[in-house]
Amino acid sequence: MESEEVSIDVAIKRGTLMLKVAPILVMFVMFIGVVVISDLFSPPRWLIVSSVILAFVGGWLVWSVLVTRWRIWSLRRVRNTHALMETAVAEMLVWPQGSWLERTEIRSAEQRRTLKALSVQLKPDVWQDDPDVPPATDIFWSRAERIGTVIIGLIIITLGTKLIFENVFDLWFLALLGIVVIAIGLDIRKLSDKRVQIRLDEHGITLADRACVPWSVITKDSVVVKGSGKRSYSALEFHHPDGREEVEIDQMDLPKKELRHRLRVYRFRSGHLQGNSL
């Protein structure tokens, strides 16, 4: 029975559940187990440390086992497999091809044969236009998000000032208020910046602080997730003869999913298509 075709978004959502949520859930459960055991039996410190390390290993093993299953499921159902894998790498679901960490994927002999057979059947991605995408897309700082964070920051400062006058504070508390003040200042600066931060059209990509870079010289344009945990952020990244550009987009008014789509549409309209590679 032939597998039903699904979109890249559906495959990525499934991959997020299998390759991010499931490993984190396993680690969380194992951490809770360590806490409970420590509270009930007071084991030696070395055993607690070993259990914590084991929790991380357990999460990694879950990813190592599930990633191959997700690859096979997706390759059987997604048409544009190259764009799928580029998105999966950008979303940090899988490691880039050739990375030594990719070798930690656990595959049975049958799974290896299946992946090899699927790789032979892969076809070039289908590039196409989308009439719903306008001739040009101007991306700005998200005013709603900035106003919201400024309001929250002002509330924190107001409450903090009240505690200061009541002598309920220490140096750490003052440092925290200082960080909040700096964050508000940055948000206000972005609110006052009404320039187009990123402009996309069939000619290329234009950033607020540089002229248009034409599609003919742009390579490896993608929306990527960088860092990990609370330090992670999304960014538009592309290469050109003069170097590499990276612009954080988390606080802008176009979701990264739509940004990925429009990058492909405008590149299609330009006639400068990128090669397909896994």
Protein backbone atom coordinates (compact mmCIF):
# COMPACT_ATOMS: atom_id res chain seq x y z
CA MET A 1 0.00 0.00 0.00
CA GLU A 2 1.44 3.38 -1.08
CA SER A 3 2.06 5.86 1.73
CA GLU A 4 -0.08 8.99 1.81
CA GLU A 5 1.84 12.15 0.89
CA VAL A 6 2.23 14.74 3.65
CA SER A 7 3.66 18.26 3.74
CA ILE A 8 7.03 19.26 5.15
CA ASP A 9 5.26 20.99 8.05
CA VAL A 10 3.47 17.78 9.04
CA ALA A 11 6.71 15.80 8.92
CA ILE A 12 8.54 18.44 10.98
CA LYS A 13 5.78 18.46 13.60
CA ARG A 14 6.01 14.68 13.86
CA GLY A 15 9.80 14.96 14.07
CA THR A 16 9.53 17.53 16.88
CA LEU A 17 7.42 15.13 18.94
CA MET A 18 9.67 12.15 18.26
CA LEU A 19 13.09 13.77 18.34
CA LYS A 20 12.68 16.61 20.84
CA VAL A 21 9.67 16.02 23.08
CA ALA A 22 10.16 12.26 23.58
CA PRO A 23 13.88 12.47 24.59
CA ILE A 24 13.20 15.42 26.92
CA LEU A 25 10.29 13.53 28.50
CA VAL A 26 12.52 10.50 29.10
CA MET A 27 15.22 12.68 30.69
CA PHE A 28 12.63 14.44 32.85
CA VAL A 29 11.19 11.15 34.12
CA MET A 30 14.69 9.84 34.90
CA PHE A 31 15.59 13.07 36.72
CA ILE A 32 12.45 12.78 38.83
CA GLY A 33 13.44 9.20 39.62
CA VAL A 34 16.86 10.39 40.78
CA VAL A 35 15.26 13.03 43.03
CA VAL A 36 12.84 10.52 44.56
CA ILE A 37 15.54 7.92 45.17
CA SER A 38 17.84 10.56 46.70
CA ASP A 39 15.07 11.70 49.03
CA LEU A 40 14.10 8.18 50.13
CA PHE A 41 17.42 6.37 50.39
CA SER A 42 20.17 9.02 50.59
CA PRO A 43 22.52 7.22 48.15
CA PRO A 44 26.19 8.26 47.82
CA ARG A 45 26.96 11.34 45.74
CA TRP A 46 28.74 9.36 43.01
CA LEU A 47 25.59 7.34 42.42
CA ILE A 48 23.47 10.49 42.09
CA VAL A 49 25.93 12.02 39.60
CA SER A 50 26.01 8.77 37.63
CA SER A 51 22.20 8.70 37.54
CA VAL A 52 22.05 12.26 36.20
CA ILE A 53 24.55 11.37 33.46
CA LEU A 54 22.51 8.26 32.72
CA ALA A 55 19.41 10.43 32.25
CA PHE A 56 21.17 12.43 29.53
CA VAL A 57 22.39 9.21 27.91
CA GLY A 58 18.84 7.83 28.04
CA GLY A 59 17.47 10.88 26.23
CA TRP A 60 20.19 10.61 23.59
CA LEU A 61 19.47 6.90 23.07
CA VAL A 62 15.78 7.64 22.54
CA TRP A 63 16.72 10.18 19.87
CA SER A 64 19.22 7.76 18.30
CA VAL A 65 16.58 5.06 17.94
CA LEU A 66 13.67 7.25 16.83
CA VAL A 67 15.55 9.41 14.32
CA THR A 68 15.92 6.57 11.82
CA ARG A 69 12.23 5.70 12.12
CA TRP A 70 11.35 9.34 11.49
CA ARG A 71 13.67 9.51 8.46
CA ILE A 72 12.05 6.47 6.87
CA TRP A 73 8.51 7.64 7.65
CA SER A 74 9.21 11.10 6.19
CA LEU A 75 11.14 10.01 3.09
CA ARG A 76 8.25 7.75 2.14
CA ARG A 77 5.68 10.55 2.41
CA VAL A 78 7.25 13.94 1.65
CA ARG A 79 7.75 15.01 -1.97
CA ASN A 80 10.42 17.69 -1.46
CA THR A 81 12.78 15.55 0.59
CA HIS A 82 15.79 17.83 0.21
CA ALA A 83 13.89 20.83 1.58
CA LEU A 84 12.59 18.56 4.35
CA MET A 85 16.07 17.58 5.48
CA GLU A 86 17.32 21.16 5.25
CA THR A 87 14.45 22.21 7.51
CA ALA A 88 15.09 19.30 9.89
CA VAL A 89 18.74 20.34 10.25
CA ALA A 90 17.73 24.00 10.70
CA GLU A 91 15.25 23.00 13.42
CA MET A 92 17.95 20.87 15.09
CA LEU A 93 15.97 17.64 14.72
CA VAL A 94 18.85 15.89 12.93
CA TRP A 95 22.54 16.60 12.50
CA PRO A 96 23.99 17.80 9.18
CA GLN A 97 25.01 15.10 6.73
CA GLY A 98 28.60 14.07 7.33
CA SER A 99 28.61 15.24 10.95
CA TRP A 100 30.21 12.73 13.33
CA LEU A 101 27.13 13.11 15.53
CA GLU A 102 25.04 11.74 12.66
CA ARG A 103 26.91 8.47 13.21
CA THR A 104 25.25 8.11 16.63
CA GLU A 105 21.96 7.25 14.90
CA ILE A 106 21.11 3.64 15.71
CA ARG A 107 20.02 1.67 12.63
CA SER A 108 19.29 -1.99 12.15
CA ALA A 109 20.48 -3.79 9.02
CA GLU A 110 16.93 -3.69 7.64
CA GLN A 111 16.64 0.05 8.28
CA ARG A 112 19.95 0.65 6.50
CA ARG A 113 18.67 -1.26 3.48
CA THR A 114 15.40 0.70 3.53
CA LEU A 115 17.18 4.06 3.70
CA LYS A 116 19.51 3.06 0.88
CA ALA A 117 16.54 2.02 -1.28
CA LEU A 118 14.70 5.27 -0.51
CA SER A 119 17.79 7.37 -1.35
CA VAL A 120 17.89 5.78 -4.82
CA GLN A 121 14.26 6.79 -5.39
CA LEU A 122 14.73 10.43 -4.34
CA LYS A 123 13.83 13.02 -6.96
CA PRO A 124 14.79 16.71 -7.25
CA ASP A 125 12.54 19.02 -5.26
CA VAL A 126 9.69 20.72 -7.08
CA TRP A 127 10.07 24.50 -7.03
CA GLN A 128 6.91 26.49 -7.69
CA ASP A 129 5.33 29.91 -7.36
CA ASP A 130 2.65 30.90 -4.87
CA PRO A 131 0.18 33.58 -6.03
CA ASP A 132 -0.62 34.43 -2.41
CA VAL A 133 2.93 35.68 -1.86
CA PRO A 134 3.17 39.42 -2.75
CA PRO A 135 5.80 40.84 -5.14
CA ALA A 136 7.84 41.94 -2.13
CA THR A 137 7.81 41.18 1.59
CA ASP A 138 8.90 43.81 4.12
CA ILE A 139 9.69 42.48 7.59
CA PHE A 140 9.71 44.78 10.62
CA TRP A 141 10.27 44.44 14.34
CA SER A 142 7.09 43.08 15.92
CA ARG A 143 5.52 46.10 17.67
CA ALA A 144 2.95 44.04 19.58
CA GLU A 145 5.63 41.82 21.10
CA ARG A 146 7.86 44.75 21.96
CA ILE A 147 5.04 46.71 23.62
CA GLY A 148 4.09 43.63 25.63
CA THR A 149 7.63 43.09 26.94
CA VAL A 150 8.02 46.79 27.78
CA ILE A 151 4.79 46.72 29.82
CA ILE A 152 5.90 43.58 31.69
CA GLY A 153 9.31 45.15 32.33
CA LEU A 154 7.77 48.35 33.70
CA ILE A 155 5.57 46.31 36.05
CA ILE A 156 8.65 44.45 37.34
CA ILE A 157 10.52 47.73 37.85
CA THR A 158 7.55 49.28 39.68
CA LEU A 159 7.25 46.32 42.05
CA GLY A 160 11.03 46.22 42.49
CA THR A 161 11.20 49.91 43.34
CA LYS A 162 8.50 49.40 45.96
CA LEU A 163 10.51 46.58 47.55
CA ILE A 164 13.63 48.75 47.52
CA PHE A 165 11.86 51.48 49.50
CA GLU A 166 10.69 48.78 51.92
CA ASN A 167 14.31 47.61 52.29
CA VAL A 168 13.47 44.13 50.95
CA PHE A 169 16.37 43.70 48.53
CA ASP A 170 19.97 42.61 48.09
CA LEU A 171 22.68 43.05 45.47
CA TRP A 172 21.35 40.20 43.32
CA PHE A 173 17.94 41.84 43.26
CA LEU A 174 19.43 45.17 42.16
CA ALA A 175 21.40 43.39 39.42
CA LEU A 176 18.17 41.78 38.19
CA LEU A 177 16.45 45.16 38.04
CA GLY A 178 19.42 46.51 36.11
CA ILE A 179 19.06 43.74 33.53
CA VAL A 180 15.33 44.49 33.19
CA VAL A 181 16.07 48.20 32.64
CA ILE A 182 18.59 47.36 29.90
CA ALA A 183 16.09 44.96 28.24
CA ILE A 184 13.40 47.66 28.24
CA GLY A 185 15.86 50.11 26.70
CA LEU A 186 16.61 47.66 23.88
CA ASP A 187 12.88 47.06 23.28
CA ILE A 188 12.16 50.80 23.16
CA ARG A 189 15.02 51.21 20.70
CA LYS A 190 13.48 48.55 18.47
CA LEU A 191 10.05 50.19 18.78
CA SER A 192 11.52 53.46 17.54
CA ASP A 193 13.28 51.72 14.64
CA LYS A 194 10.66 51.84 11.86
CA ARG A 195 13.02 50.73 9.11
CA VAL A 196 12.41 47.60 7.08
CA GLN A 197 14.70 45.03 8.71
CA ILE A 198 14.50 42.45 5.91
CA ARG A 199 13.08 42.87 2.41
CA LEU A 200 12.53 39.87 0.17
CA ASP A 201 11.66 40.00 -3.51
CA GLU A 202 12.63 38.39 -6.81
CA HIS A 203 15.79 40.50 -6.95
CA GLY A 204 17.29 39.29 -3.67
CA ILE A 205 17.53 39.95 0.05
CA THR A 206 17.92 43.47 1.43
CA LEU A 207 18.85 44.09 5.06
CA ALA A 208 18.39 47.29 7.04
CA ASP A 209 22.12 48.01 7.10
CA ARG A 210 23.18 46.87 3.64
CA ALA A 211 22.17 47.01 -0.02
CA CYS A 212 20.28 44.26 -1.84
CA VAL A 213 22.20 41.01 -2.25
CA PRO A 214 20.98 39.37 -5.51
CA TRP A 215 19.82 35.77 -5.62
CA SER A 216 22.45 35.01 -8.24
CA VAL A 217 25.22 35.26 -5.60
CA ILE A 218 23.30 34.02 -2.54
CA THR A 219 23.97 30.47 -1.34
CA LYS A 220 22.77 28.44 1.63
CA ASP A 221 19.88 30.77 2.44
CA SER A 222 17.89 29.25 5.29
CA VAL A 223 16.05 29.90 8.52
CA VAL A 224 17.96 28.17 11.28
CA VAL A 225 17.70 27.59 15.02
CA LYS A 226 20.95 28.25 16.87
CA GLY A 227 22.06 27.68 20.44
CA SER A 228 20.22 25.45 22.87
CA GLY A 229 17.71 25.73 25.68
CA LYS A 230 16.99 29.27 26.85
CA ARG A 231 19.84 30.57 24.70
CA SER A 232 18.38 29.28 21.43
CA TYR A 233 17.17 31.70 18.78
CA SER A 234 15.95 31.65 15.18
CA ALA A 235 17.85 33.48 12.46
CA LEU A 236 17.85 34.14 8.74
CA GLU A 237 21.24 33.07 7.43
CA PHE A 238 22.72 33.28 3.95
CA HIS A 239 26.13 33.33 2.29
CA HIS A 240 27.46 35.54 -0.50
CA PRO A 241 30.87 36.34 -2.02
CA ASP A 242 31.61 38.98 0.65
CA GLY A 243 30.85 36.71 3.59
CA ARG A 244 27.91 35.51 5.64
CA GLU A 245 24.85 37.33 7.00
CA GLU A 246 22.87 36.33 10.07
CA VAL A 247 19.81 38.20 11.35
CA GLU A 248 17.81 37.15 14.41
CA ILE A 249 14.12 36.94 13.51
CA ASP A 250 12.39 35.84 16.74
CA GLN A 251 11.19 39.37 17.44
CA MET A 252 10.09 40.17 13.90
CA ASP A 253 6.57 40.15 12.47
CA LEU A 254 6.89 37.22 10.06
CA PRO A 255 6.90 33.65 11.48
CA LYS A 256 9.91 31.53 10.55
CA LYS A 257 7.69 28.95 8.82
CA GLU A 258 6.34 31.60 6.44
CA LEU A 259 9.81 33.10 6.00
CA ARG A 260 11.14 29.74 4.81
CA HIS A 261 8.29 29.48 2.32
CA ARG A 262 8.83 32.96 0.92
CA LEU A 263 12.56 32.45 0.52
CA ARG A 264 11.82 29.53 -1.79
CA VAL A 265 9.09 31.43 -3.69
CA TYR A 266 11.25 34.49 -4.38
CA ARG A 267 14.21 32.35 -5.38
CA PHE A 268 11.91 30.51 -7.78
CA ARG A 269 10.73 33.82 -9.26
CA SER A 270 14.33 34.96 -9.66
CA GLY A 271 15.18 31.88 -11.74
CA HIS A 272 18.25 31.15 -9.61
CA LEU A 273 17.38 27.83 -8.02
CA GLN A 274 19.65 26.05 -5.58
CA GLY A 275 20.79 22.52 -6.19
CA ASN A 276 19.24 19.63 -4.30
CA SER A 277 21.50 17.80 -1.91
CA LEU A 278 21.02 15.73 1.22
